[in-house]
Amino acid sequence: MLFKKSIDIQIDENTIKKNRVPILIKDKQWKTIIGDSNNKTIQSLSKQLNDLIDEERTLEKNLKLLRQQKTKVMNKILHLSDLLNTKGQESVLSELEESREEINRINEAIDEMVENLLSYPKEIERVNFALLKETIVSVYKDITTDHNRLSTVDEEIKDLRERLGILRDEKDELEKRVEILYSLLHTIIGYKEMEKLDIRFLKE
């Protein structure tokens, strides 16, 4: 099995979406098998994906803080408006105007953040999909390498089995020959003389 170095992976994105492919760098199995890969493209895409997720999380956190700040300023405006309209305290006019300007700034910042956040899911999906394609190439390369090695190992095992069979046959023949030779001498010179000769000739 040969691995083609240059492969244009064609994957049906709609099918992938239906299968709900996870964010790979968060997937336990992917991290265990691929996470420490030396593949430069996988490393680069993983970093891009991680950076995007971190940026999205930071924006969401900042957006939450801005909305909390907006609520506080709105409550302040309501309080100052009440002082002005109900109690006629015109001294709050300046502070009220400043608060209204602050609300406008906060609203603009919120709108900008929301708009930025809208782009992240698609970008995360795009990079994750690119990482998936590179993962497929890497995995099939490893499968090919392992398959080729497996074929070699299978051949080596086959050769060893054949060699083992030959050695077993040789062992059986040698054992039979030793038994025949012993039997010959035992018949001719007897058991006691055989013991003496064994000590003399077969001493380890």
N, C-alpha and C. Protein backbone atom coordinates (compact mmCIF):
# COMPACT_ATOMS: atom_id res chain seq x y z
N MET A 1 0.85 -1.20 0.00
CA MET A 1 0.00 0.00 0.00
C MET A 1 0.88 1.25 0.00
N LEU A 2 0.72 2.10 -1.01
CA LEU A 2 1.52 3.31 -1.12
C LEU A 2 0.67 4.52 -0.78
N PHE A 3 1.26 5.48 -0.08
CA PHE A 3 0.56 6.71 0.30
C PHE A 3 0.88 7.81 -0.69
N LYS A 4 -0.16 8.43 -1.24
CA LYS A 4 0.04 9.54 -2.17
C LYS A 4 0.34 10.80 -1.38
N LYS A 5 1.51 11.39 -1.62
CA LYS A 5 1.93 12.55 -0.84
C LYS A 5 1.02 13.76 -1.05
N SER A 6 0.58 13.98 -2.27
CA SER A 6 -0.25 15.14 -2.57
C SER A 6 -1.69 14.68 -2.81
N ILE A 7 -2.57 14.98 -1.86
CA ILE A 7 -3.96 14.56 -1.97
C ILE A 7 -4.88 15.74 -1.70
N ASP A 8 -5.83 15.93 -2.62
CA ASP A 8 -6.83 16.97 -2.41
C ASP A 8 -8.05 16.30 -1.79
N ILE A 9 -8.21 16.51 -0.48
CA ILE A 9 -9.30 15.85 0.24
C ILE A 9 -10.63 16.52 -0.10
N GLN A 10 -11.53 15.75 -0.66
CA GLN A 10 -12.86 16.25 -0.98
C GLN A 10 -13.86 15.67 0.02
N ILE A 11 -14.40 16.55 0.86
CA ILE A 11 -15.35 16.11 1.88
C ILE A 11 -16.64 16.91 1.73
N ASP A 12 -17.75 16.22 1.82
CA ASP A 12 -19.05 16.88 1.76
C ASP A 12 -19.30 17.59 3.09
N GLU A 13 -19.20 18.91 3.07
CA GLU A 13 -19.35 19.68 4.31
C GLU A 13 -20.72 19.50 4.94
N ASN A 14 -21.75 19.35 4.11
CA ASN A 14 -23.11 19.17 4.65
C ASN A 14 -23.22 17.86 5.42
N THR A 15 -22.57 16.82 4.87
CA THR A 15 -22.58 15.52 5.56
C THR A 15 -21.84 15.62 6.89
N ILE A 16 -20.70 16.34 6.86
CA ILE A 16 -19.91 16.52 8.07
C ILE A 16 -20.72 17.26 9.13
N LYS A 17 -21.44 18.29 8.72
CA LYS A 17 -22.25 19.07 9.66
C LYS A 17 -23.34 18.21 10.28
N LYS A 18 -23.93 17.32 9.47
CA LYS A 18 -24.96 16.42 10.00
C LYS A 18 -24.37 15.47 11.04
N ASN A 19 -23.12 15.10 10.84
CA ASN A 19 -22.45 14.19 11.78
C ASN A 19 -21.98 14.91 13.05
N ARG A 20 -22.15 16.22 13.05
CA ARG A 20 -21.79 17.03 14.23
C ARG A 20 -20.34 16.79 14.67
N VAL A 21 -19.43 17.06 13.76
CA VAL A 21 -18.01 16.92 14.08
C VAL A 21 -17.67 17.88 15.20
N PRO A 22 -17.03 17.41 16.26
CA PRO A 22 -16.72 18.27 17.40
C PRO A 22 -15.58 19.24 17.07
N ILE A 23 -15.39 20.23 17.92
CA ILE A 23 -14.19 21.05 17.83
C ILE A 23 -13.03 20.12 18.18
N LEU A 24 -12.19 19.84 17.21
CA LEU A 24 -11.20 18.77 17.35
C LEU A 24 -10.26 18.95 18.54
N ILE A 25 -9.79 20.18 18.76
CA ILE A 25 -8.82 20.39 19.83
C ILE A 25 -9.45 20.21 21.21
N LYS A 26 -10.78 20.10 21.26
CA LYS A 26 -11.46 19.85 22.54
C LYS A 26 -11.87 18.39 22.68
N ASP A 27 -11.72 17.64 21.60
CA ASP A 27 -12.14 16.24 21.60
C ASP A 27 -11.07 15.37 22.28
N LYS A 28 -11.47 14.60 23.29
CA LYS A 28 -10.53 13.80 24.08
C LYS A 28 -9.76 12.80 23.23
N GLN A 29 -10.47 12.10 22.35
CA GLN A 29 -9.81 11.08 21.52
C GLN A 29 -8.84 11.72 20.54
N TRP A 30 -9.25 12.83 19.93
CA TRP A 30 -8.37 13.53 18.98
C TRP A 30 -7.12 14.01 19.70
N LYS A 31 -7.28 14.58 20.89
CA LYS A 31 -6.12 15.09 21.65
C LYS A 31 -5.16 13.97 22.00
N THR A 32 -5.71 12.80 22.34
CA THR A 32 -4.87 11.66 22.72
C THR A 32 -4.07 11.13 21.53
N ILE A 33 -4.71 11.05 20.37
CA ILE A 33 -4.08 10.42 19.20
C ILE A 33 -3.32 11.43 18.34
N ILE A 34 -3.89 12.61 18.15
CA ILE A 34 -3.34 13.58 17.19
C ILE A 34 -2.73 14.80 17.87
N GLY A 35 -3.16 15.09 19.08
CA GLY A 35 -2.80 16.34 19.75
C GLY A 35 -1.33 16.68 19.78
N ASP A 36 -0.48 15.67 19.93
CA ASP A 36 0.97 15.90 20.01
C ASP A 36 1.68 15.66 18.68
N SER A 37 0.93 15.72 17.60
CA SER A 37 1.50 15.46 16.28
C SER A 37 2.61 16.46 15.93
N ASN A 38 3.63 15.98 15.23
CA ASN A 38 4.73 16.85 14.76
C ASN A 38 4.39 17.52 13.43
N ASN A 39 3.22 17.21 12.90
CA ASN A 39 2.77 17.80 11.64
C ASN A 39 2.61 19.32 11.80
N LYS A 40 3.40 20.08 11.06
CA LYS A 40 3.41 21.55 11.20
C LYS A 40 2.06 22.18 10.87
N THR A 41 1.39 21.64 9.86
CA THR A 41 0.09 22.19 9.47
C THR A 41 -0.94 21.96 10.57
N ILE A 42 -0.93 20.76 11.14
CA ILE A 42 -1.85 20.46 12.24
C ILE A 42 -1.55 21.36 13.44
N GLN A 43 -0.28 21.56 13.73
CA GLN A 43 0.10 22.43 14.84
C GLN A 43 -0.38 23.86 14.61
N SER A 44 -0.19 24.35 13.38
CA SER A 44 -0.59 25.72 13.05
C SER A 44 -2.11 25.89 13.12
N LEU A 45 -2.84 24.95 12.52
CA LEU A 45 -4.31 25.04 12.53
C LEU A 45 -4.86 24.89 13.96
N SER A 46 -4.23 24.03 14.75
CA SER A 46 -4.65 23.85 16.14
C SER A 46 -4.49 25.16 16.92
N LYS A 47 -3.37 25.84 16.68
CA LYS A 47 -3.12 27.11 17.36
C LYS A 47 -4.13 28.17 16.91
N GLN A 48 -4.39 28.23 15.60
CA GLN A 48 -5.38 29.18 15.08
C GLN A 48 -6.74 28.94 15.73
N LEU A 49 -7.12 27.67 15.81
CA LEU A 49 -8.42 27.32 16.37
C LEU A 49 -8.48 27.67 17.85
N ASN A 50 -7.43 27.38 18.56
CA ASN A 50 -7.37 27.69 19.99
C ASN A 50 -7.44 29.20 20.22
N ASP A 51 -6.71 29.96 19.39
CA ASP A 51 -6.72 31.42 19.50
C ASP A 51 -8.12 31.99 19.24
N LEU A 52 -8.79 31.45 18.22
CA LEU A 52 -10.14 31.92 17.89
C LEU A 52 -11.11 31.65 19.05
N ILE A 53 -11.01 30.47 19.64
CA ILE A 53 -11.88 30.11 20.75
C ILE A 53 -11.61 31.02 21.95
N ASP A 54 -10.33 31.29 22.21
CA ASP A 54 -9.97 32.18 23.32
C ASP A 54 -10.48 33.59 23.08
N GLU A 55 -10.32 34.07 21.84
CA GLU A 55 -10.79 35.42 21.50
C GLU A 55 -12.31 35.52 21.64
N GLU A 56 -13.01 34.50 21.17
CA GLU A 56 -14.48 34.49 21.27
C GLU A 56 -14.90 34.51 22.74
N ARG A 57 -14.22 33.71 23.56
CA ARG A 57 -14.55 33.65 24.98
C ARG A 57 -14.30 35.01 25.65
N THR A 58 -13.20 35.66 25.27
CA THR A 58 -12.87 36.96 25.84
C THR A 58 -13.90 38.01 25.44
N LEU A 59 -14.29 37.99 24.17
CA LEU A 59 -15.31 38.93 23.70
C LEU A 59 -16.64 38.72 24.42
N GLU A 60 -17.02 37.47 24.61
CA GLU A 60 -18.27 37.17 25.30
C GLU A 60 -18.23 37.67 26.75
N LYS A 61 -17.06 37.50 27.37
CA LYS A 61 -16.89 37.97 28.75
C LYS A 61 -16.98 39.50 28.81
N ASN A 62 -16.30 40.17 27.87
CA ASN A 62 -16.33 41.63 27.83
C ASN A 62 -17.72 42.17 27.51
N LEU A 63 -18.43 41.45 26.65
CA LEU A 63 -19.79 41.85 26.30
C LEU A 63 -20.70 41.76 27.52
N LYS A 64 -20.52 40.71 28.27
CA LYS A 64 -21.31 40.55 29.50
C LYS A 64 -21.04 41.69 30.48
N LEU A 65 -19.76 42.07 30.61
CA LEU A 65 -19.39 43.17 31.51
C LEU A 65 -19.98 44.49 31.02
N LEU A 66 -19.95 44.71 29.71
CA LEU A 66 -20.51 45.94 29.15
C LEU A 66 -22.01 46.03 29.41
N ARG A 67 -22.69 44.91 29.25
CA ARG A 67 -24.14 44.90 29.48
C ARG A 67 -24.46 45.15 30.95
N GLN A 68 -23.61 44.63 31.82
CA GLN A 68 -23.78 44.91 33.25
C GLN A 68 -23.56 46.39 33.54
N GLN A 69 -22.54 46.93 32.88
CA GLN A 69 -22.24 48.36 33.05
C GLN A 69 -23.39 49.21 32.51
N LYS A 70 -23.95 48.78 31.37
CA LYS A 70 -25.08 49.50 30.78
C LYS A 70 -26.27 49.53 31.73
N THR A 71 -26.52 48.40 32.38
CA THR A 71 -27.63 48.32 33.34
C THR A 71 -27.43 49.31 34.49
N LYS A 72 -26.18 49.38 34.98
CA LYS A 72 -25.89 50.31 36.08
C LYS A 72 -26.10 51.77 35.65
N VAL A 73 -25.60 52.09 34.45
CA VAL A 73 -25.74 53.48 33.97
C VAL A 73 -27.20 53.82 33.70
N MET A 74 -27.96 52.84 33.18
CA MET A 74 -29.39 53.07 32.93
C MET A 74 -30.13 53.32 34.24
N ASN A 75 -29.77 52.56 35.26
CA ASN A 75 -30.38 52.78 36.58
C ASN A 75 -30.02 54.17 37.12
N LYS A 76 -28.79 54.58 36.84
CA LYS A 76 -28.34 55.91 37.28
C LYS A 76 -29.13 56.99 36.56
N ILE A 77 -29.34 56.79 35.25
CA ILE A 77 -30.10 57.76 34.46
C ILE A 77 -31.54 57.87 34.97
N LEU A 78 -32.13 56.72 35.29
CA LEU A 78 -33.50 56.72 35.82
C LEU A 78 -33.56 57.48 37.14
N HIS A 79 -32.55 57.26 37.96
CA HIS A 79 -32.51 57.95 39.26
C HIS A 79 -32.33 59.46 39.08
N LEU A 80 -31.40 59.85 38.20
CA LEU A 80 -31.16 61.29 37.96
C LEU A 80 -32.37 61.95 37.32
N SER A 81 -33.01 61.23 36.41
CA SER A 81 -34.22 61.76 35.75
C SER A 81 -35.34 61.98 36.77
N ASP A 82 -35.42 61.06 37.71
CA ASP A 82 -36.44 61.20 38.76
C ASP A 82 -36.16 62.43 39.63
N LEU A 83 -34.87 62.64 39.95
CA LEU A 83 -34.49 63.81 40.75
C LEU A 83 -34.82 65.10 40.00
N LEU A 84 -34.60 65.08 38.69
CA LEU A 84 -34.84 66.27 37.89
C LEU A 84 -36.33 66.53 37.71
N ASN A 85 -37.07 65.49 37.34
CA ASN A 85 -38.49 65.66 36.97
C ASN A 85 -39.42 65.72 38.17
N THR A 86 -39.08 64.95 39.20
CA THR A 86 -39.98 64.88 40.36
C THR A 86 -39.64 65.93 41.40
N LYS A 87 -38.32 66.09 41.62
CA LYS A 87 -37.90 67.00 42.69
C LYS A 87 -37.31 68.31 42.17
N GLY A 88 -37.24 68.40 40.85
CA GLY A 88 -36.77 69.65 40.25
C GLY A 88 -35.31 69.98 40.52
N GLN A 89 -34.47 68.99 40.74
CA GLN A 89 -33.06 69.24 41.03
C GLN A 89 -32.28 69.39 39.71
N GLU A 90 -32.22 70.61 39.23
CA GLU A 90 -31.55 70.87 37.95
C GLU A 90 -30.03 70.70 38.05
N SER A 91 -29.52 70.58 39.23
CA SER A 91 -28.07 70.39 39.40
C SER A 91 -27.58 69.05 38.84
N VAL A 92 -28.55 68.16 38.60
CA VAL A 92 -28.16 66.82 38.09
C VAL A 92 -28.09 66.79 36.57
N LEU A 93 -28.44 67.92 35.92
CA LEU A 93 -28.49 67.95 34.45
C LEU A 93 -27.16 67.55 33.82
N SER A 94 -26.07 68.09 34.34
CA SER A 94 -24.75 67.81 33.78
C SER A 94 -24.41 66.33 33.91
N GLU A 95 -24.65 65.79 35.09
CA GLU A 95 -24.35 64.37 35.33
C GLU A 95 -25.25 63.47 34.48
N LEU A 96 -26.51 63.92 34.30
CA LEU A 96 -27.46 63.17 33.49
C LEU A 96 -27.01 63.12 32.04
N GLU A 97 -26.53 64.26 31.54
CA GLU A 97 -26.05 64.32 30.15
C GLU A 97 -24.83 63.42 29.96
N GLU A 98 -23.94 63.46 30.94
CA GLU A 98 -22.74 62.62 30.88
C GLU A 98 -23.12 61.13 30.87
N SER A 99 -24.11 60.78 31.65
CA SER A 99 -24.56 59.39 31.72
C SER A 99 -25.19 58.95 30.40
N ARG A 100 -25.95 59.87 29.78
CA ARG A 100 -26.56 59.55 28.48
C ARG A 100 -25.49 59.35 27.41
N GLU A 101 -24.44 60.18 27.45
CA GLU A 101 -23.33 60.04 26.52
C GLU A 101 -22.59 58.71 26.75
N GLU A 102 -22.47 58.34 28.04
CA GLU A 102 -21.82 57.07 28.38
C GLU A 102 -22.63 55.89 27.84
N ILE A 103 -23.96 56.01 27.95
CA ILE A 103 -24.83 54.95 27.42
C ILE A 103 -24.63 54.80 25.92
N ASN A 104 -24.53 55.94 25.23
CA ASN A 104 -24.30 55.89 23.77
C ASN A 104 -22.99 55.19 23.44
N ARG A 105 -21.94 55.50 24.21
CA ARG A 105 -20.65 54.87 23.99
C ARG A 105 -20.73 53.36 24.26
N ILE A 106 -21.42 53.02 25.33
CA ILE A 106 -21.57 51.60 25.67
C ILE A 106 -22.35 50.86 24.58
N ASN A 107 -23.42 51.49 24.10
CA ASN A 107 -24.24 50.86 23.04
C ASN A 107 -23.41 50.63 21.77
N GLU A 108 -22.59 51.62 21.43
CA GLU A 108 -21.74 51.47 20.24
C GLU A 108 -20.74 50.33 20.44
N ALA A 109 -20.16 50.25 21.64
CA ALA A 109 -19.20 49.19 21.94
C ALA A 109 -19.88 47.82 21.91
N ILE A 110 -21.11 47.76 22.44
CA ILE A 110 -21.87 46.50 22.44
C ILE A 110 -22.18 46.06 21.01
N ASP A 111 -22.64 47.03 20.18
CA ASP A 111 -22.97 46.71 18.79
C ASP A 111 -21.74 46.19 18.04
N GLU A 112 -20.59 46.84 18.29
CA GLU A 112 -19.36 46.42 17.63
C GLU A 112 -18.94 45.02 18.08
N MET A 113 -19.08 44.77 19.38
CA MET A 113 -18.72 43.46 19.91
C MET A 113 -19.63 42.36 19.37
N VAL A 114 -20.92 42.64 19.34
CA VAL A 114 -21.90 41.67 18.83
C VAL A 114 -21.59 41.34 17.38
N GLU A 115 -21.28 42.40 16.61
CA GLU A 115 -20.96 42.19 15.19
C GLU A 115 -19.70 41.33 15.04
N ASN A 116 -18.70 41.60 15.87
CA ASN A 116 -17.47 40.80 15.83
C ASN A 116 -17.73 39.35 16.21
N LEU A 117 -18.54 39.18 17.24
CA LEU A 117 -18.84 37.83 17.71
C LEU A 117 -19.56 36.99 16.66
N LEU A 118 -20.36 37.65 15.84
CA LEU A 118 -21.12 36.92 14.81
C LEU A 118 -20.21 36.21 13.81
N SER A 119 -18.98 36.73 13.64
CA SER A 119 -18.08 36.16 12.65
C SER A 119 -17.31 34.94 13.18
N TYR A 120 -17.27 34.79 14.49
CA TYR A 120 -16.44 33.73 15.09
C TYR A 120 -16.93 32.31 14.83
N PRO A 121 -18.22 32.01 14.98
CA PRO A 121 -18.66 30.63 14.74
C PRO A 121 -18.27 30.10 13.36
N LYS A 122 -18.48 30.92 12.32
CA LYS A 122 -18.13 30.47 10.97
C LYS A 122 -16.63 30.32 10.79
N GLU A 123 -15.87 31.24 11.39
CA GLU A 123 -14.41 31.16 11.26
C GLU A 123 -13.87 29.95 12.03
N ILE A 124 -14.44 29.70 13.19
CA ILE A 124 -14.05 28.52 13.97
C ILE A 124 -14.39 27.25 13.20
N GLU A 125 -15.56 27.24 12.60
CA GLU A 125 -15.98 26.08 11.80
C GLU A 125 -15.05 25.88 10.61
N ARG A 126 -14.65 26.98 9.96
CA ARG A 126 -13.76 26.90 8.78
C ARG A 126 -12.41 26.31 9.17
N VAL A 127 -11.81 26.83 10.25
CA VAL A 127 -10.49 26.35 10.67
C VAL A 127 -10.58 24.91 11.17
N ASN A 128 -11.66 24.60 11.88
CA ASN A 128 -11.86 23.24 12.38
C ASN A 128 -11.98 22.26 11.22
N PHE A 129 -12.66 22.68 10.16
CA PHE A 129 -12.83 21.84 8.97
C PHE A 129 -11.49 21.63 8.27
N ALA A 130 -10.70 22.70 8.19
CA ALA A 130 -9.36 22.58 7.60
C ALA A 130 -8.50 21.63 8.43
N LEU A 131 -8.63 21.71 9.75
CA LEU A 131 -7.89 20.82 10.64
C LEU A 131 -8.36 19.37 10.46
N LEU A 132 -9.64 19.19 10.25
CA LEU A 132 -10.18 17.86 10.00
C LEU A 132 -9.57 17.25 8.74
N LYS A 133 -9.51 18.05 7.68
CA LYS A 133 -8.94 17.56 6.41
C LYS A 133 -7.47 17.17 6.58
N GLU A 134 -6.73 18.01 7.30
CA GLU A 134 -5.31 17.70 7.53
C GLU A 134 -5.18 16.47 8.43
N THR A 135 -6.09 16.33 9.38
CA THR A 135 -6.08 15.15 10.25
C THR A 135 -6.31 13.88 9.43
N ILE A 136 -7.24 13.96 8.48
CA ILE A 136 -7.53 12.81 7.62
C ILE A 136 -6.29 12.40 6.84
N VAL A 137 -5.59 13.38 6.26
CA VAL A 137 -4.36 13.09 5.51
C VAL A 137 -3.33 12.43 6.43
N SER A 138 -3.16 13.00 7.63
CA SER A 138 -2.17 12.49 8.58
C SER A 138 -2.51 11.07 9.02
N VAL A 139 -3.79 10.85 9.32
CA VAL A 139 -4.23 9.53 9.79
C VAL A 139 -4.02 8.48 8.71
N TYR A 140 -4.40 8.82 7.47
CA TYR A 140 -4.23 7.84 6.39
C TYR A 140 -2.76 7.58 6.09
N LYS A 141 -1.93 8.58 6.29
CA LYS A 141 -0.49 8.38 6.13
C LYS A 141 0.01 7.38 7.17
N ASP A 142 -0.44 7.55 8.42
CA ASP A 142 -0.05 6.63 9.49
C ASP A 142 -0.61 5.23 9.23
N ILE A 143 -1.86 5.17 8.76
CA ILE A 143 -2.47 3.87 8.45
C ILE A 143 -1.65 3.15 7.38
N THR A 144 -1.24 3.91 6.35
CA THR A 144 -0.44 3.32 5.26
C THR A 144 0.89 2.81 5.78
N THR A 145 1.56 3.64 6.60
CA THR A 145 2.85 3.24 7.18
C THR A 145 2.69 1.99 8.04
N ASP A 146 1.67 1.99 8.90
CA ASP A 146 1.44 0.84 9.77
C ASP A 146 1.05 -0.40 8.97
N HIS A 147 0.25 -0.19 7.93
CA HIS A 147 -0.17 -1.33 7.10
C HIS A 147 1.04 -1.95 6.40
N ASN A 148 1.91 -1.10 5.89
CA ASN A 148 3.12 -1.61 5.23
C ASN A 148 4.00 -2.37 6.22
N ARG A 149 4.16 -1.83 7.41
CA ARG A 149 4.95 -2.51 8.44
C ARG A 149 4.28 -3.82 8.85
N LEU A 150 2.95 -3.79 8.93
CA LEU A 150 2.19 -5.00 9.28
C LEU A 150 2.42 -6.10 8.24
N SER A 151 2.45 -5.71 6.96
CA SER A 151 2.71 -6.69 5.90
C SER A 151 4.09 -7.31 6.06
N THR A 152 5.07 -6.44 6.40
CA THR A 152 6.44 -6.93 6.62
C THR A 152 6.50 -7.88 7.81
N VAL A 153 5.82 -7.50 8.90
CA VAL A 153 5.80 -8.35 10.10
C VAL A 153 5.13 -9.68 9.80
N ASP A 154 4.03 -9.64 9.03
CA ASP A 154 3.33 -10.88 8.65
C ASP A 154 4.26 -11.81 7.87
N GLU A 155 5.04 -11.22 6.95
CA GLU A 155 5.99 -12.03 6.15
C GLU A 155 7.06 -12.62 7.05
N GLU A 156 7.55 -11.82 8.00
CA GLU A 156 8.57 -12.31 8.92
C GLU A 156 8.03 -13.45 9.79
N ILE A 157 6.79 -13.30 10.25
CA ILE A 157 6.17 -14.36 11.05
C ILE A 157 6.01 -15.63 10.21
N LYS A 158 5.60 -15.46 8.95
CA LYS A 158 5.44 -16.61 8.05
C LYS A 158 6.78 -17.33 7.87
N ASP A 159 7.84 -16.54 7.64
CA ASP A 159 9.18 -17.14 7.47
C ASP A 159 9.62 -17.86 8.74
N LEU A 160 9.36 -17.23 9.90
CA LEU A 160 9.75 -17.85 11.17
C LEU A 160 8.98 -19.15 11.41
N ARG A 161 7.70 -19.16 11.03
CA ARG A 161 6.90 -20.38 11.19
C ARG A 161 7.45 -21.50 10.31
N GLU A 162 7.82 -21.13 9.07
CA GLU A 162 8.40 -22.13 8.16
C GLU A 162 9.73 -22.63 8.71
N ARG A 163 10.54 -21.71 9.21
CA ARG A 163 11.84 -22.08 9.79
C ARG A 163 11.64 -22.96 11.02
N LEU A 164 10.64 -22.60 11.84
CA LEU A 164 10.34 -23.38 13.03
C LEU A 164 9.91 -24.80 12.66
N GLY A 165 9.12 -24.91 11.59
CA GLY A 165 8.69 -26.23 11.14
C GLY A 165 9.87 -27.09 10.70
N ILE A 166 10.80 -26.45 9.97
CA ILE A 166 12.00 -27.16 9.53
C ILE A 166 12.83 -27.62 10.72
N LEU A 167 13.00 -26.71 11.71
CA LEU A 167 13.78 -27.05 12.90
C LEU A 167 13.12 -28.16 13.72
N ARG A 168 11.78 -28.13 13.79
CA ARG A 168 11.08 -29.19 14.51
C ARG A 168 11.31 -30.54 13.84
N ASP A 169 11.23 -30.57 12.49
CA ASP A 169 11.48 -31.81 11.75
C ASP A 169 12.90 -32.30 12.00
N GLU A 170 13.85 -31.35 11.98
CA GLU A 170 15.25 -31.72 12.22
C GLU A 170 15.41 -32.25 13.65
N LYS A 171 14.75 -31.60 14.62
CA LYS A 171 14.81 -32.05 16.02
C LYS A 171 14.29 -33.48 16.15
N ASP A 172 13.15 -33.75 15.50
CA ASP A 172 12.58 -35.10 15.56
C ASP A 172 13.53 -36.13 14.97
N GLU A 173 14.15 -35.79 13.83
CA GLU A 173 15.08 -36.71 13.17
C GLU A 173 16.30 -36.97 14.05
N LEU A 174 16.82 -35.90 14.67
CA LEU A 174 18.01 -36.05 15.53
C LEU A 174 17.69 -36.90 16.76
N GLU A 175 16.52 -36.67 17.36
CA GLU A 175 16.13 -37.45 18.53
C GLU A 175 15.99 -38.94 18.18
N LYS A 176 15.40 -39.20 17.00
CA LYS A 176 15.25 -40.59 16.55
C LYS A 176 16.62 -41.24 16.31
N ARG A 177 17.53 -40.48 15.70
CA ARG A 177 18.87 -41.01 15.40
C ARG A 177 19.63 -41.31 16.70
N VAL A 178 19.54 -40.36 17.69
CA VAL A 178 20.20 -40.60 18.98
C VAL A 178 19.63 -41.84 19.65
N GLU A 179 18.33 -41.99 19.56
CA GLU A 179 17.69 -43.16 20.17
C GLU A 179 18.15 -44.46 19.50
N ILE A 180 18.26 -44.43 18.16
CA ILE A 180 18.69 -45.62 17.42
C ILE A 180 20.14 -45.96 17.76
N LEU A 181 20.99 -44.93 17.83
CA LEU A 181 22.41 -45.16 18.14
C LEU A 181 22.58 -45.70 19.55
N TYR A 182 21.84 -45.13 20.49
CA TYR A 182 21.88 -45.64 21.87
C TYR A 182 21.44 -47.10 21.91
N SER A 183 20.36 -47.34 21.19
CA SER A 183 19.83 -48.71 21.18
C SER A 183 20.85 -49.70 20.64
N LEU A 184 21.58 -49.27 19.60
CA LEU A 184 22.59 -50.13 19.00
C LEU A 184 23.66 -50.51 20.03
N LEU A 185 24.23 -49.47 20.68
CA LEU A 185 25.29 -49.74 21.65
C LEU A 185 24.77 -50.49 22.87
N HIS A 186 23.56 -50.14 23.30
CA HIS A 186 22.98 -50.81 24.46
C HIS A 186 22.83 -52.30 24.21
N THR A 187 22.43 -52.63 22.99
CA THR A 187 22.25 -54.04 22.63
C THR A 187 23.59 -54.77 22.60
N ILE A 188 24.62 -54.05 22.11
CA ILE A 188 25.92 -54.70 21.92
C ILE A 188 26.69 -54.81 23.24
N ILE A 189 26.79 -53.69 24.02
CA ILE A 189 27.68 -53.71 25.18
C ILE A 189 26.96 -53.70 26.53
N GLY A 190 25.66 -53.47 26.54
CA GLY A 190 24.91 -53.53 27.78
C GLY A 190 24.82 -52.20 28.51
N TYR A 191 23.89 -52.17 29.52
CA TYR A 191 23.54 -50.94 30.24
C TYR A 191 24.70 -50.37 31.06
N LYS A 192 25.41 -51.27 31.81
CA LYS A 192 26.46 -50.79 32.71
C LYS A 192 27.61 -50.14 31.95
N GLU A 193 28.02 -50.77 30.86
CA GLU A 193 29.11 -50.20 30.06
C GLU A 193 28.67 -48.89 29.40
N MET A 194 27.39 -48.82 29.05
CA MET A 194 26.85 -47.58 28.46
C MET A 194 26.95 -46.42 29.44
N GLU A 195 26.69 -46.68 30.73
CA GLU A 195 26.79 -45.63 31.74
C GLU A 195 28.20 -45.07 31.82
N LYS A 196 29.20 -45.98 31.80
CA LYS A 196 30.60 -45.57 31.86
C LYS A 196 30.96 -44.72 30.64
N LEU A 197 30.52 -45.16 29.47
CA LEU A 197 30.84 -44.43 28.23
C LEU A 197 30.13 -43.08 28.18
N ASP A 198 28.93 -43.03 28.74
CA ASP A 198 28.19 -41.75 28.80
C ASP A 198 28.96 -40.73 29.60
N ILE A 199 29.49 -41.16 30.73
CA ILE A 199 30.28 -40.27 31.60
C ILE A 199 31.53 -39.78 30.88
N ARG A 200 32.12 -40.68 30.12
CA ARG A 200 33.37 -40.33 29.42
C ARG A 200 33.15 -39.44 28.21
N PHE A 201 32.17 -39.77 27.39
CA PHE A 201 32.00 -39.06 26.12
C PHE A 201 30.96 -37.91 26.17
N LEU A 202 30.03 -37.99 27.10
CA LEU A 202 28.95 -37.01 27.11
C LEU A 202 29.06 -36.05 28.30
N LYS A 203 30.20 -36.02 28.95
CA LYS A 203 30.39 -35.11 30.07
C LYS A 203 30.30 -33.66 29.58
N GLU A 204 29.47 -32.87 30.28
CA GLU A 204 29.30 -31.47 29.86
C GLU A 204 30.44 -30.62 30.35
